């Protein structure tokens, strides 16, 4: 949601860039998600979820840096960084629900999954307003805020994983 606004309003790029990036994201998810999730299936879900967060953090910083280029170069850099974002998205979406299901006590599994879905739904509902407000303050506010909160969450997931 923030990328089209960044591209069109701040970088003054054609709306076609947004369309191309979303098509590319969709194609990459369709082409890679199953293979990546299967490949990482033996790894700790905490590790995969944290790695997804770290990839997303780097992509947010990449979007911020790309915005400093201006013009078509910036739009091209945003498109390139979108590949890293897509990889982070694949790691996150492939491990989040599985992590909740794997760590919840069996008798609380339904509640844990309901809380997870509720938190995701609330986040999706509030994201447009929050991202628009941050972007209105400028890309220099949006991307560091997203990177910082995502990094903190990723570190928490990595540190709170069971040892052993």
C-alpha atoms as a PDB file:
ATOM      1  CA  UNK A   1       0.000   0.000   0.000  1.00  0.00           C
ATOM      2  CA  UNK A   2       2.844   2.393   0.787  1.00  0.00           C
ATOM      3  CA  UNK A   3       4.835   1.580  -2.351  1.00  0.00           C
ATOM      4  CA  UNK A   4       2.328   2.941  -4.884  1.00  0.00           C
ATOM      5  CA  UNK A   5       1.994   6.150  -2.877  1.00  0.00           C
ATOM      6  CA  UNK A   6       5.771   6.447  -2.559  1.00  0.00           C
ATOM      7  CA  UNK A   7       6.307   5.824  -6.256  1.00  0.00           C
ATOM      8  CA  UNK A   8       3.613   8.172  -7.530  1.00  0.00           C
ATOM      9  CA  UNK A   9       3.528  10.938  -4.916  1.00  0.00           C
ATOM     10  CA  UNK A  10       7.127  11.177  -3.755  1.00  0.00           C
ATOM     11  CA  UNK A  11       9.161   9.782  -6.639  1.00  0.00           C
ATOM     12  CA  UNK A  12       6.798  11.059  -9.358  1.00  0.00           C
ATOM     13  CA  UNK A  13       7.093   7.755 -11.197  1.00  0.00           C
ATOM     14  CA  UNK A  14       4.445   6.368 -13.493  1.00  0.00           C
ATOM     15  CA  UNK A  15       1.703   4.299 -11.882  1.00  0.00           C
ATOM     16  CA  UNK A  16       2.840   1.507 -14.203  1.00  0.00           C
ATOM     17  CA  UNK A  17       5.815   0.932 -11.864  1.00  0.00           C
ATOM     18  CA  UNK A  18       3.415   0.031  -9.042  1.00  0.00           C
ATOM     19  CA  UNK A  19       1.530  -2.358 -11.268  1.00  0.00           C
ATOM     20  CA  UNK A  20       4.721  -4.003 -12.449  1.00  0.00           C
ATOM     21  CA  UNK A  21       6.016  -4.418  -8.913  1.00  0.00           C
ATOM     22  CA  UNK A  22       2.766  -6.016  -7.737  1.00  0.00           C
ATOM     23  CA  UNK A  23       2.681  -8.359 -10.721  1.00  0.00           C
ATOM     24  CA  UNK A  24       6.313  -9.282 -10.063  1.00  0.00           C
ATOM     25  CA  UNK A  25       5.552  -9.881  -6.380  1.00  0.00           C
ATOM     26  CA  UNK A  26       2.622 -12.124  -7.253  1.00  0.00           C
ATOM     27  CA  UNK A  27       4.620 -14.106  -9.806  1.00  0.00           C
ATOM     28  CA  UNK A  28       7.512 -14.597  -7.372  1.00  0.00           C
ATOM     29  CA  UNK A  29       5.186 -15.711  -4.570  1.00  0.00           C
ATOM     30  CA  UNK A  30       3.445 -18.199  -6.868  1.00  0.00           C
ATOM     31  CA  UNK A  31       6.732 -19.475  -8.286  1.00  0.00           C
ATOM     32  CA  UNK A  32       8.777 -19.642  -5.084  1.00  0.00           C
ATOM     33  CA  UNK A  33       6.603 -19.899  -1.993  1.00  0.00           C
ATOM     34  CA  UNK A  34       6.018 -23.642  -1.973  1.00  0.00           C
ATOM     35  CA  UNK A  35       9.640 -24.449  -2.812  1.00  0.00           C
ATOM     36  CA  UNK A  36      11.008 -22.072  -0.151  1.00  0.00           C
ATOM     37  CA  UNK A  37       8.605 -23.279   2.545  1.00  0.00           C
ATOM     38  CA  UNK A  38       9.417 -26.930   1.775  1.00  0.00           C
ATOM     39  CA  UNK A  39      13.155 -26.217   1.699  1.00  0.00           C
ATOM     40  CA  UNK A  40      13.026 -24.510   5.091  1.00  0.00           C
ATOM     41  CA  UNK A  41      10.548 -26.967   6.598  1.00  0.00           C
ATOM     42  CA  UNK A  42      13.208 -28.647   8.727  1.00  0.00           C
ATOM     43  CA  UNK A  43      14.427 -25.379  10.231  1.00  0.00           C
ATOM     44  CA  UNK A  44      13.088 -23.862  13.417  1.00  0.00           C
ATOM     45  CA  UNK A  45       9.940 -21.840  12.735  1.00  0.00           C
ATOM     46  CA  UNK A  46      11.290 -19.161  15.085  1.00  0.00           C
ATOM     47  CA  UNK A  47      14.442 -18.897  12.970  1.00  0.00           C
ATOM     48  CA  UNK A  48      12.504 -18.722   9.710  1.00  0.00           C
ATOM     49  CA  UNK A  49      10.070 -16.122  11.082  1.00  0.00           C
ATOM     50  CA  UNK A  50      12.952 -14.019  12.431  1.00  0.00           C
ATOM     51  CA  UNK A  51      14.815 -14.334   9.102  1.00  0.00           C
ATOM     52  CA  UNK A  52      11.677 -13.149   7.308  1.00  0.00           C
ATOM     53  CA  UNK A  53      11.554 -10.143   9.631  1.00  0.00           C
ATOM     54  CA  UNK A  54      15.221  -9.358   9.017  1.00  0.00           C
ATOM     55  CA  UNK A  55      14.661  -9.549   5.240  1.00  0.00           C
ATOM     56  CA  UNK A  56      11.661  -7.220   5.553  1.00  0.00           C
ATOM     57  CA  UNK A  57      13.715  -4.824   7.706  1.00  0.00           C
ATOM     58  CA  UNK A  58      16.440  -4.692   5.061  1.00  0.00           C
ATOM     59  CA  UNK A  59      13.854  -4.144   2.343  1.00  0.00           C
ATOM     60  CA  UNK A  60      12.323  -1.193   4.227  1.00  0.00           C
ATOM     61  CA  UNK A  61      15.767   0.356   4.545  1.00  0.00           C
ATOM     62  CA  UNK A  62      16.305  -0.370   0.844  1.00  0.00           C
ATOM     63  CA  UNK A  63      13.061   1.396  -0.077  1.00  0.00           C
ATOM     64  CA  UNK A  64      14.178   4.370   1.993  1.00  0.00           C
ATOM     65  CA  UNK A  65      17.588   4.465   0.287  1.00  0.00           C
ATOM     66  CA  UNK A  66      16.056   3.992  -3.165  1.00  0.00           C
ATOM     67  CA  UNK A  67      13.839   7.014  -2.617  1.00  0.00           C
ATOM     68  CA  UNK A  68      16.947   9.174  -2.399  1.00  0.00           C
ATOM     69  CA  UNK A  69      17.910   8.378  -5.976  1.00  0.00           C
ATOM     70  CA  UNK A  70      15.019  10.194  -7.635  1.00  0.00           C
ATOM     71  CA  UNK A  71      13.275   9.609 -10.943  1.00  0.00           C
ATOM     72  CA  UNK A  72      13.410   6.401 -12.924  1.00  0.00           C
ATOM     73  CA  UNK A  73      16.514   5.207 -11.052  1.00  0.00           C
ATOM     74  CA  UNK A  74      14.577   5.347  -7.796  1.00  0.00           C
ATOM     75  CA  UNK A  75      11.625   3.468  -9.288  1.00  0.00           C
ATOM     76  CA  UNK A  76      13.982   0.803 -10.650  1.00  0.00           C
ATOM     77  CA  UNK A  77      15.725   0.510  -7.288  1.00  0.00           C
ATOM     78  CA  UNK A  78      12.351   0.160  -5.534  1.00  0.00           C
ATOM     79  CA  UNK A  79      11.484  -2.629  -7.984  1.00  0.00           C
ATOM     80  CA  UNK A  80      14.796  -4.377  -7.247  1.00  0.00           C
ATOM     81  CA  UNK A  81      14.348  -4.070  -3.473  1.00  0.00           C
ATOM     82  CA  UNK A  82      10.837  -5.472  -3.899  1.00  0.00           C
ATOM     83  CA  UNK A  83      12.415  -8.854  -4.652  1.00  0.00           C
ATOM     84  CA  UNK A  84      13.984  -8.876  -1.157  1.00  0.00           C
ATOM     85  CA  UNK A  85      10.652  -7.745   0.296  1.00  0.00           C
ATOM     86  CA  UNK A  86       8.888 -10.621  -1.469  1.00  0.00           C
ATOM     87  CA  UNK A  87      11.387 -13.119  -0.057  1.00  0.00           C
ATOM     88  CA  UNK A  88      10.784 -11.758   3.457  1.00  0.00           C
ATOM     89  CA  UNK A  89       7.058 -11.947   2.874  1.00  0.00           C
ATOM     90  CA  UNK A  90       7.333 -15.589   1.794  1.00  0.00           C
ATOM     91  CA  UNK A  91       9.346 -16.486   4.898  1.00  0.00           C
ATOM     92  CA  UNK A  92       6.938 -14.638   7.179  1.00  0.00           C
ATOM     93  CA  UNK A  93       3.709 -15.943   5.711  1.00  0.00           C
ATOM     94  CA  UNK A  94       5.059 -19.476   5.469  1.00  0.00           C
ATOM     95  CA  UNK A  95       6.057 -19.662   9.120  1.00  0.00           C
ATOM     96  CA  UNK A  96       3.781 -17.413  11.208  1.00  0.00           C
ATOM     97  CA  UNK A  97       0.658 -19.551  11.463  1.00  0.00           C
ATOM     98  CA  UNK A  98       2.746 -22.734  11.644  1.00  0.00           C
ATOM     99  CA  UNK A  99       4.732 -21.286  14.557  1.00  0.00           C
ATOM    100  CA  UNK A 100       1.558 -20.452  16.463  1.00  0.00           C
ATOM    101  CA  UNK A 101       0.167 -23.930  15.818  1.00  0.00           C
ATOM    102  CA  UNK A 102       3.418 -25.624  16.843  1.00  0.00           C
ATOM    103  CA  UNK A 103       3.926 -23.695  20.074  1.00  0.00           C
ATOM    104  CA  UNK A 104       0.386 -23.540  21.437  1.00  0.00           C
ATOM    105  CA  UNK A 105      -0.595 -26.152  24.002  1.00  0.00           C
ATOM    106  CA  UNK A 106      -3.020 -28.585  22.341  1.00  0.00           C
ATOM    107  CA  UNK A 107      -5.936 -27.575  24.545  1.00  0.00           C
ATOM    108  CA  UNK A 108      -5.380 -23.873  23.657  1.00  0.00           C
ATOM    109  CA  UNK A 109      -4.673 -24.274  19.943  1.00  0.00           C
ATOM    110  CA  UNK A 110      -8.010 -22.822  18.812  1.00  0.00           C
ATOM    111  CA  UNK A 111      -7.592 -19.746  21.024  1.00  0.00           C
ATOM    112  CA  UNK A 112      -4.006 -19.208  19.929  1.00  0.00           C
ATOM    113  CA  UNK A 113      -4.924 -19.391  16.240  1.00  0.00           C
ATOM    114  CA  UNK A 114      -7.918 -17.103  16.799  1.00  0.00           C
ATOM    115  CA  UNK A 115      -5.677 -14.524  18.523  1.00  0.00           C
ATOM    116  CA  UNK A 116      -3.150 -14.784  15.704  1.00  0.00           C
ATOM    117  CA  UNK A 117      -5.834 -14.250  13.061  1.00  0.00           C
ATOM    118  CA  UNK A 118      -7.399 -11.410  15.069  1.00  0.00           C
ATOM    119  CA  UNK A 119      -4.051  -9.646  15.402  1.00  0.00           C
ATOM    120  CA  UNK A 120      -3.424 -10.080  11.680  1.00  0.00           C
ATOM    121  CA  UNK A 121      -6.911  -8.771  10.860  1.00  0.00           C
ATOM    122  CA  UNK A 122      -6.564  -5.737  13.125  1.00  0.00           C
ATOM    123  CA  UNK A 123      -3.146  -5.032  11.644  1.00  0.00           C
ATOM    124  CA  UNK A 124      -4.503  -5.248   8.103  1.00  0.00           C
ATOM    125  CA  UNK A 125      -7.404  -2.970   8.998  1.00  0.00           C
ATOM    126  CA  UNK A 126      -5.230  -0.319  10.645  1.00  0.00           C
ATOM    127  CA  UNK A 127      -2.301  -0.487   8.223  1.00  0.00           C
ATOM    128  CA  UNK A 128      -3.691   1.809   5.511  1.00  0.00           C
ATOM    129  CA  UNK A 129      -4.365   4.638   7.976  1.00  0.00           C
ATOM    130  CA  UNK A 130      -1.071   4.193   9.815  1.00  0.00           C
ATOM    131  CA  UNK A 131       1.025   3.875   6.670  1.00  0.00           C
ATOM    132  CA  UNK A 132      -0.704   6.834   5.023  1.00  0.00           C
ATOM    133  CA  UNK A 133      -0.094   8.991   8.101  1.00  0.00           C
ATOM    134  CA  UNK A 134       3.568   7.970   8.249  1.00  0.00           C
ATOM    135  CA  UNK A 135       4.039   8.532   4.516  1.00  0.00           C
ATOM    136  CA  UNK A 136       2.337  11.929   4.764  1.00  0.00           C
ATOM    137  CA  UNK A 137       5.069  12.853   7.244  1.00  0.00           C
ATOM    138  CA  UNK A 138       7.551  11.708   4.614  1.00  0.00           C
ATOM    139  CA  UNK A 139       9.441   8.615   3.476  1.00  0.00           C
ATOM    140  CA  UNK A 140      12.097   9.497   6.054  1.00  0.00           C
ATOM    141  CA  UNK A 141       9.518   8.743   8.752  1.00  0.00           C
ATOM    142  CA  UNK A 142       7.730   5.767   7.170  1.00  0.00           C
ATOM    143  CA  UNK A 143      10.630   3.478   6.296  1.00  0.00           C
ATOM    144  CA  UNK A 144      12.678   3.875   9.492  1.00  0.00           C
ATOM    145  CA  UNK A 145       9.511   3.346  11.577  1.00  0.00           C
ATOM    146  CA  UNK A 146       8.680   0.145   9.690  1.00  0.00           C
ATOM    147  CA  UNK A 147      12.294  -1.041   9.794  1.00  0.00           C
ATOM    148  CA  UNK A 148      12.623  -0.330  13.515  1.00  0.00           C
ATOM    149  CA  UNK A 149       9.422  -2.047  14.573  1.00  0.00           C
ATOM    150  CA  UNK A 150      10.055  -5.025  12.304  1.00  0.00           C
ATOM    151  CA  UNK A 151      13.622  -5.375  13.561  1.00  0.00           C
ATOM    152  CA  UNK A 152      12.477  -5.262  17.198  1.00  0.00           C
ATOM    153  CA  UNK A 153       9.872  -7.926  16.495  1.00  0.00           C
ATOM    154  CA  UNK A 154      12.393 -10.122  14.678  1.00  0.00           C
ATOM    155  CA  UNK A 155      14.913  -9.865  17.497  1.00  0.00           C
ATOM    156  CA  UNK A 156      12.187 -10.752  20.007  1.00  0.00           C
ATOM    157  CA  UNK A 157      11.162 -13.808  17.999  1.00  0.00           C
ATOM    158  CA  UNK A 158      14.790 -14.916  17.667  1.00  0.00           C
ATOM    159  CA  UNK A 159      15.580 -14.384  21.361  1.00  0.00           C
ATOM    160  CA  UNK A 160      12.387 -15.922  22.707  1.00  0.00           C
ATOM    161  CA  UNK A 161      12.695 -19.179  20.791  1.00  0.00           C
ATOM    162  CA  UNK A 162      13.010 -22.324  22.862  1.00  0.00           C
ATOM    163  CA  UNK A 163      16.581 -23.411  23.535  1.00  0.00           C
ATOM    164  CA  UNK A 164      17.637 -26.960  23.389  1.00  0.00           C
END
